[in-house]
Amino acid sequence: MKKTIFALAVMASLSGCASFGVEPWERAQLARADMALDSEKNDLALDDHIYFSKEGSSGGRAFAGGGCGCN
């Protein structure tokens, strides 16, 4: 009985990882403009403002160096 339960548990855990990646019929859904990481320009501008405010540098993540001037 224990061997059967163990075998079923192993088979169930292996079948849970059977589908990795994006299927061809899912690509159109993921390629939409609103699915992009930078689709909302206002959110991106706010994130940039917060980043360079916290770092103390002018330009945020677009320039090298930090706010200390040591570059």
PDB file of N, CA and C in Angstrom:
ATOM      1  N   MET A   1       0.828  -1.187   0.000  1.00  0.00           N
ATOM      2  CA  MET A   1       0.000   0.000   0.000  1.00  0.00           C
ATOM      3  C   MET A   1       0.881   1.263   0.000  1.00  0.00           C
ATOM      4  N   LYS A   2       1.953   1.252   0.817  1.00  0.00           N
ATOM      5  CA  LYS A   2       2.840   2.408   0.886  1.00  0.00           C
ATOM      6  C   LYS A   2       3.572   2.620  -0.432  1.00  0.00           C
ATOM      7  N   LYS A   3       3.954   1.524  -1.085  1.00  0.00           N
ATOM      8  CA  LYS A   3       4.643   1.648  -2.368  1.00  0.00           C
ATOM      9  C   LYS A   3       3.726   2.245  -3.425  1.00  0.00           C
ATOM     10  N   THR A   4       2.467   1.873  -3.399  1.00  0.00           N
ATOM     11  CA  THR A   4       1.503   2.395  -4.361  1.00  0.00           C
ATOM     12  C   THR A   4       1.294   3.892  -4.150  1.00  0.00           C
ATOM     13  N   ILE A   5       1.148   4.295  -2.910  1.00  0.00           N
ATOM     14  CA  ILE A   5       0.964   5.714  -2.600  1.00  0.00           C
ATOM     15  C   ILE A   5       2.209   6.507  -2.984  1.00  0.00           C
ATOM     16  N   PHE A   6       3.384   5.943  -2.704  1.00  0.00           N
ATOM     17  CA  PHE A   6       4.628   6.614  -3.067  1.00  0.00           C
ATOM     18  C   PHE A   6       4.756   6.740  -4.582  1.00  0.00           C
ATOM     19  N   ALA A   7       4.421   5.691  -5.302  1.00  0.00           N
ATOM     20  CA  ALA A   7       4.499   5.716  -6.772  1.00  0.00           C
ATOM     21  C   ALA A   7       3.524   6.742  -7.337  1.00  0.00           C
ATOM     22  N   LEU A   8       2.310   6.819  -6.793  1.00  0.00           N
ATOM     23  CA  LEU A   8       1.338   7.810  -7.242  1.00  0.00           C
ATOM     24  C   LEU A   8       1.809   9.232  -6.940  1.00  0.00           C
ATOM     25  N   ALA A   9       2.426   9.432  -5.790  1.00  0.00           N
ATOM     26  CA  ALA A   9       2.930  10.761  -5.434  1.00  0.00           C
ATOM     27  C   ALA A   9       4.063  11.183  -6.364  1.00  0.00           C
ATOM     28  N   VAL A  10       4.944  10.251  -6.702  1.00  0.00           N
ATOM     29  CA  VAL A  10       6.045  10.557  -7.619  1.00  0.00           C
ATOM     30  C   VAL A  10       5.502  10.876  -9.003  1.00  0.00           C
ATOM     31  N   MET A  11       4.552  10.109  -9.487  1.00  0.00           N
ATOM     32  CA  MET A  11       3.970  10.357 -10.802  1.00  0.00           C
ATOM     33  C   MET A  11       3.235  11.697 -10.835  1.00  0.00           C
ATOM     34  N   ALA A  12       2.538  12.025  -9.771  1.00  0.00           N
ATOM     35  CA  ALA A  12       1.818  13.300  -9.724  1.00  0.00           C
ATOM     36  C   ALA A  12       2.792  14.471  -9.698  1.00  0.00           C
ATOM     37  N   SER A  13       3.887  14.334  -8.969  1.00  0.00           N
ATOM     38  CA  SER A  13       4.850  15.435  -8.906  1.00  0.00           C
ATOM     39  C   SER A  13       5.591  15.609 -10.226  1.00  0.00           C
ATOM     40  N   LEU A  14       5.867  14.535 -10.946  1.00  0.00           N
ATOM     41  CA  LEU A  14       6.538  14.639 -12.235  1.00  0.00           C
ATOM     42  C   LEU A  14       5.610  15.173 -13.319  1.00  0.00           C
ATOM     43  N   SER A  15       4.346  14.853 -13.239  1.00  0.00           N
ATOM     44  CA  SER A  15       3.416  15.344 -14.259  1.00  0.00           C
ATOM     45  C   SER A  15       3.085  16.817 -14.053  1.00  0.00           C
ATOM     46  N   GLY A  16       3.322  17.351 -12.882  1.00  0.00           N
ATOM     47  CA  GLY A  16       3.081  18.769 -12.631  1.00  0.00           C
ATOM     48  C   GLY A  16       4.080  19.661 -13.339  1.00  0.00           C
ATOM     49  N   CYS A  17       5.233  19.137 -13.695  1.00  0.00           N
ATOM     50  CA  CYS A  17       6.277  19.910 -14.366  1.00  0.00           C
ATOM     51  C   CYS A  17       6.381  19.547 -15.844  1.00  0.00           C
ATOM     52  N   ALA A  18       5.358  18.951 -16.395  1.00  0.00           N
ATOM     53  CA  ALA A  18       5.432  18.470 -17.769  1.00  0.00           C
ATOM     54  C   ALA A  18       5.339  19.590 -18.791  1.00  0.00           C
ATOM     55  N   SER A  19       4.761  20.724 -18.435  1.00  0.00           N
ATOM     56  CA  SER A  19       4.547  21.786 -19.418  1.00  0.00           C
ATOM     57  C   SER A  19       5.303  23.042 -19.011  1.00  0.00           C
ATOM     58  N   PHE A  20       6.511  23.193 -19.529  1.00  0.00           N
ATOM     59  CA  PHE A  20       7.291  24.404 -19.302  1.00  0.00           C
ATOM     60  C   PHE A  20       7.274  25.229 -20.574  1.00  0.00           C
ATOM     61  N   GLY A  21       7.385  26.531 -20.435  1.00  0.00           N
ATOM     62  CA  GLY A  21       7.463  27.386 -21.602  1.00  0.00           C
ATOM     63  C   GLY A  21       6.106  27.870 -22.064  1.00  0.00           C
ATOM     64  N   VAL A  22       6.131  28.564 -23.167  1.00  0.00           N
ATOM     65  CA  VAL A  22       4.933  29.161 -23.738  1.00  0.00           C
ATOM     66  C   VAL A  22       4.519  28.351 -24.954  1.00  0.00           C
ATOM     67  N   GLU A  23       3.274  27.990 -24.984  1.00  0.00           N
ATOM     68  CA  GLU A  23       2.747  27.252 -26.126  1.00  0.00           C
ATOM     69  C   GLU A  23       2.506  28.217 -27.286  1.00  0.00           C
ATOM     70  N   PRO A  24       2.505  27.737 -28.519  1.00  0.00           N
ATOM     71  CA  PRO A  24       2.332  28.630 -29.669  1.00  0.00           C
ATOM     72  C   PRO A  24       1.042  29.437 -29.624  1.00  0.00           C
ATOM     73  N   TRP A  25      -0.027  28.886 -29.112  1.00  0.00           N
ATOM     74  CA  TRP A  25      -1.296  29.608 -29.077  1.00  0.00           C
ATOM     75  C   TRP A  25      -1.342  30.638 -27.944  1.00  0.00           C
ATOM     76  N   GLU A  26      -0.362  30.633 -27.045  1.00  0.00           N
ATOM     77  CA  GLU A  26      -0.298  31.616 -25.968  1.00  0.00           C
ATOM     78  C   GLU A  26       0.575  32.815 -26.327  1.00  0.00           C
ATOM     79  N   ARG A  27       1.328  32.735 -27.375  1.00  0.00           N
ATOM     80  CA  ARG A  27       2.273  33.796 -27.730  1.00  0.00           C
ATOM     81  C   ARG A  27       1.570  35.099 -28.090  1.00  0.00           C
ATOM     82  N   ALA A  28       0.441  35.030 -28.761  1.00  0.00           N
ATOM     83  CA  ALA A  28      -0.286  36.249 -29.135  1.00  0.00           C
ATOM     84  C   ALA A  28      -0.759  36.993 -27.888  1.00  0.00           C
ATOM     85  N   GLN A  29      -1.163  36.258 -26.881  1.00  0.00           N
ATOM     86  CA  GLN A  29      -1.624  36.884 -25.632  1.00  0.00           C
ATOM     87  C   GLN A  29      -0.468  37.592 -24.931  1.00  0.00           C
ATOM     88  N   LEU A  30       0.704  36.985 -24.922  1.00  0.00           N
ATOM     89  CA  LEU A  30       1.849  37.565 -24.227  1.00  0.00           C
ATOM     90  C   LEU A  30       2.531  38.659 -25.032  1.00  0.00           C
ATOM     91  N   ALA A  31       2.266  38.749 -26.322  1.00  0.00           N
ATOM     92  CA  ALA A  31       2.898  39.759 -27.168  1.00  0.00           C
ATOM     93  C   ALA A  31       2.102  41.065 -27.219  1.00  0.00           C
ATOM     94  N   ARG A  32       0.985  41.152 -26.520  1.00  0.00           N
ATOM     95  CA  ARG A  32       0.182  42.381 -26.527  1.00  0.00           C
ATOM     96  C   ARG A  32       0.974  43.518 -25.894  1.00  0.00           C
ATOM     97  N   ALA A  33       0.664  44.732 -26.315  1.00  0.00           N
ATOM     98  CA  ALA A  33       1.395  45.911 -25.824  1.00  0.00           C
ATOM     99  C   ALA A  33       1.192  46.125 -24.331  1.00  0.00           C
ATOM    100  N   ASP A  34       0.020  45.801 -23.809  1.00  0.00           N
ATOM    101  CA  ASP A  34      -0.219  46.022 -22.376  1.00  0.00           C
ATOM    102  C   ASP A  34       0.426  44.961 -21.493  1.00  0.00           C
ATOM    103  N   MET A  35       1.022  43.944 -22.077  1.00  0.00           N
ATOM    104  CA  MET A  35       1.723  42.930 -21.297  1.00  0.00           C
ATOM    105  C   MET A  35       3.201  43.270 -21.130  1.00  0.00           C
ATOM    106  N   ALA A  36       3.672  44.331 -21.752  1.00  0.00           N
ATOM    107  CA  ALA A  36       5.083  44.721 -21.648  1.00  0.00           C
ATOM    108  C   ALA A  36       5.367  45.270 -20.250  1.00  0.00           C
ATOM    109  N   LEU A  37       6.609  45.151 -19.826  1.00  0.00           N
ATOM    110  CA  LEU A  37       6.984  45.637 -18.502  1.00  0.00           C
ATOM    111  C   LEU A  37       6.931  47.154 -18.412  1.00  0.00           C
ATOM    112  N   ASP A  38       7.110  47.835 -19.535  1.00  0.00           N
ATOM    113  CA  ASP A  38       7.088  49.294 -19.528  1.00  0.00           C
ATOM    114  C   ASP A  38       5.894  49.834 -20.312  1.00  0.00           C
ATOM    115  N   SER A  39       4.745  49.175 -20.192  1.00  0.00           N
ATOM    116  CA  SER A  39       3.578  49.591 -20.970  1.00  0.00           C
ATOM    117  C   SER A  39       2.970  50.891 -20.436  1.00  0.00           C
ATOM    118  N   GLU A  40       3.063  51.140 -19.166  1.00  0.00           N
ATOM    119  CA  GLU A  40       2.504  52.355 -18.572  1.00  0.00           C
ATOM    120  C   GLU A  40       3.628  53.372 -18.406  1.00  0.00           C
ATOM    121  N   LYS A  41       3.642  54.391 -19.245  1.00  0.00           N
ATOM    122  CA  LYS A  41       4.721  55.379 -19.234  1.00  0.00           C
ATOM    123  C   LYS A  41       4.714  56.199 -17.944  1.00  0.00           C
ATOM    124  N   ASN A  42       3.536  56.476 -17.387  1.00  0.00           N
ATOM    125  CA  ASN A  42       3.478  57.239 -16.133  1.00  0.00           C
ATOM    126  C   ASN A  42       4.090  56.440 -14.978  1.00  0.00           C
ATOM    127  N   ASP A  43       3.814  55.146 -14.935  1.00  0.00           N
ATOM    128  CA  ASP A  43       4.405  54.307 -13.891  1.00  0.00           C
ATOM    129  C   ASP A  43       5.917  54.223 -14.040  1.00  0.00           C
ATOM    130  N   LEU A  44       6.384  54.143 -15.276  1.00  0.00           N
ATOM    131  CA  LEU A  44       7.822  54.082 -15.528  1.00  0.00           C
ATOM    132  C   LEU A  44       8.500  55.386 -15.104  1.00  0.00           C
ATOM    133  N   ALA A  45       7.867  56.527 -15.397  1.00  0.00           N
ATOM    134  CA  ALA A  45       8.427  57.816 -14.998  1.00  0.00           C
ATOM    135  C   ALA A  45       8.447  57.950 -13.478  1.00  0.00           C
ATOM    136  N   LEU A  46       7.401  57.475 -12.808  1.00  0.00           N
ATOM    137  CA  LEU A  46       7.366  57.531 -11.345  1.00  0.00           C
ATOM    138  C   LEU A  46       8.441  56.635 -10.742  1.00  0.00           C
ATOM    139  N   ASP A  47       8.621  55.438 -11.299  1.00  0.00           N
ATOM    140  CA  ASP A  47       9.668  54.549 -10.805  1.00  0.00           C
ATOM    141  C   ASP A  47      11.050  55.169 -10.982  1.00  0.00           C
ATOM    142  N   ASP A  48      11.288  55.823 -12.122  1.00  0.00           N
ATOM    143  CA  ASP A  48      12.566  56.502 -12.349  1.00  0.00           C
ATOM    144  C   ASP A  48      12.776  57.623 -11.343  1.00  0.00           C
ATOM    145  N   HIS A  49      11.723  58.394 -11.061  1.00  0.00           N
ATOM    146  CA  HIS A  49      11.831  59.491 -10.103  1.00  0.00           C
ATOM    147  C   HIS A  49      12.166  58.960  -8.711  1.00  0.00           C
ATOM    148  N   ILE A  50      11.500  57.902  -8.301  1.00  0.00           N
ATOM    149  CA  ILE A  50      11.760  57.318  -6.982  1.00  0.00           C
ATOM    150  C   ILE A  50      13.181  56.773  -6.929  1.00  0.00           C
ATOM    151  N   TYR A  51      13.623  56.130  -8.007  1.00  0.00           N
ATOM    152  CA  TYR A  51      14.959  55.538  -8.026  1.00  0.00           C
ATOM    153  C   TYR A  51      16.032  56.608  -7.892  1.00  0.00           C
ATOM    154  N   PHE A  52      15.947  57.671  -8.707  1.00  0.00           N
ATOM    155  CA  PHE A  52      17.035  58.645  -8.613  1.00  0.00           C
ATOM    156  C   PHE A  52      16.903  59.502  -7.374  1.00  0.00           C
ATOM    157  N   SER A  53      15.722  59.603  -6.788  1.00  0.00           N
ATOM    158  CA  SER A  53      15.586  60.312  -5.525  1.00  0.00           C
ATOM    159  C   SER A  53      16.251  59.535  -4.397  1.00  0.00           C
ATOM    160  N   LYS A  54      16.085  58.233  -4.416  1.00  0.00           N
ATOM    161  CA  LYS A  54      16.692  57.405  -3.371  1.00  0.00           C
ATOM    162  C   LYS A  54      18.201  57.288  -3.555  1.00  0.00           C
ATOM    163  N   GLU A  55      18.663  57.240  -4.796  1.00  0.00           N
ATOM    164  CA  GLU A  55      20.086  57.089  -5.060  1.00  0.00           C
ATOM    165  C   GLU A  55      20.835  58.402  -4.895  1.00  0.00           C
ATOM    166  N   GLY A  56      20.132  59.510  -5.030  1.00  0.00           N
ATOM    167  CA  GLY A  56      20.786  60.801  -4.890  1.00  0.00           C
ATOM    168  C   GLY A  56      21.604  61.182  -6.100  1.00  0.00           C
ATOM    169  N   SER A  57      21.350  60.553  -7.215  1.00  0.00           N
ATOM    170  CA  SER A  57      22.100  60.860  -8.421  1.00  0.00           C
ATOM    171  C   SER A  57      21.167  61.474  -9.453  1.00  0.00           C
ATOM    172  N   SER A  58      21.723  62.212 -10.385  1.00  0.00           N
ATOM    173  CA  SER A  58      20.882  62.804 -11.417  1.00  0.00           C
ATOM    174  C   SER A  58      20.813  61.860 -12.600  1.00  0.00           C
ATOM    175  N   GLY A  59      19.649  61.389 -12.920  1.00  0.00           N
ATOM    176  CA  GLY A  59      19.483  60.488 -14.041  1.00  0.00           C
ATOM    177  C   GLY A  59      19.039  59.109 -13.644  1.00  0.00           C
ATOM    178  N   GLY A  60      19.107  58.774 -12.387  1.00  0.00           N
ATOM    179  CA  GLY A  60      18.628  57.473 -11.935  1.00  0.00           C
ATOM    180  C   GLY A  60      19.434  56.334 -12.499  1.00  0.00           C
ATOM    181  N   ARG A  61      18.779  55.413 -13.125  1.00  0.00           N
ATOM    182  CA  ARG A  61      19.471  54.206 -13.610  1.00  0.00           C
ATOM    183  C   ARG A  61      20.096  54.402 -14.985  1.00  0.00           C
ATOM    184  N   ALA A  62      19.946  55.587 -15.591  1.00  0.00           N
ATOM    185  CA  ALA A  62      20.477  55.802 -16.919  1.00  0.00           C
ATOM    186  C   ALA A  62      21.962  56.177 -16.903  1.00  0.00           C
ATOM    187  N   PHE A  63      22.490  56.608 -15.765  1.00  0.00           N
ATOM    188  CA  PHE A  63      23.877  57.045 -15.682  1.00  0.00           C
ATOM    189  C   PHE A  63      24.629  56.176 -14.682  1.00  0.00           C
ATOM    190  N   ALA A  64      25.944  56.088 -14.896  1.00  0.00           N
ATOM    191  CA  ALA A  64      26.781  55.325 -13.981  1.00  0.00           C
ATOM    192  C   ALA A  64      27.139  56.172 -12.777  1.00  0.00           C
ATOM    193  N   GLY A  65      27.482  55.509 -11.719  1.00  0.00           N
ATOM    194  CA  GLY A  65      27.915  56.219 -10.515  1.00  0.00           C
ATOM    195  C   GLY A  65      26.775  56.458  -9.552  1.00  0.00           C
ATOM    196  N   GLY A  66      27.106  56.849  -8.357  1.00  0.00           N
ATOM    197  CA  GLY A  66      26.111  57.099  -7.337  1.00  0.00           C
ATOM    198  C   GLY A  66      26.084  58.566  -6.945  1.00  0.00           C
ATOM    199  N   GLY A  67      25.419  58.864  -5.864  1.00  0.00           N
ATOM    200  CA  GLY A  67      25.283  60.231  -5.425  1.00  0.00           C
ATOM    201  C   GLY A  67      26.490  60.748  -4.669  1.00  0.00           C
ATOM    202  N   CYS A  68      27.468  59.899  -4.403  1.00  0.00           N
ATOM    203  CA  CYS A  68      28.623  60.307  -3.606  1.00  0.00           C
ATOM    204  C   CYS A  68      29.657  61.065  -4.435  1.00  0.00           C
ATOM    205  N   GLY A  69      29.591  60.972  -5.757  1.00  0.00           N
ATOM    206  CA  GLY A  69      30.551  61.658  -6.604  1.00  0.00           C
ATOM    207  C   GLY A  69      31.803  60.852  -6.877  1.00  0.00           C
ATOM    208  N   CYS A  70      31.873  59.624  -6.414  1.00  0.00           N
ATOM    209  CA  CYS A  70      33.076  58.821  -6.589  1.00  0.00           C
ATOM    210  C   CYS A  70      33.144  58.155  -7.946  1.00  0.00           C
ATOM    211  N   ASN A  71      32.044  58.017  -8.630  1.00  0.00           N
ATOM    212  CA  ASN A  71      31.918  57.478  -9.969  1.00  0.00           C
ATOM    213  C   ASN A  71      32.846  56.304 -10.184  1.00  0.00           C
TER     214      ASN A  71
END
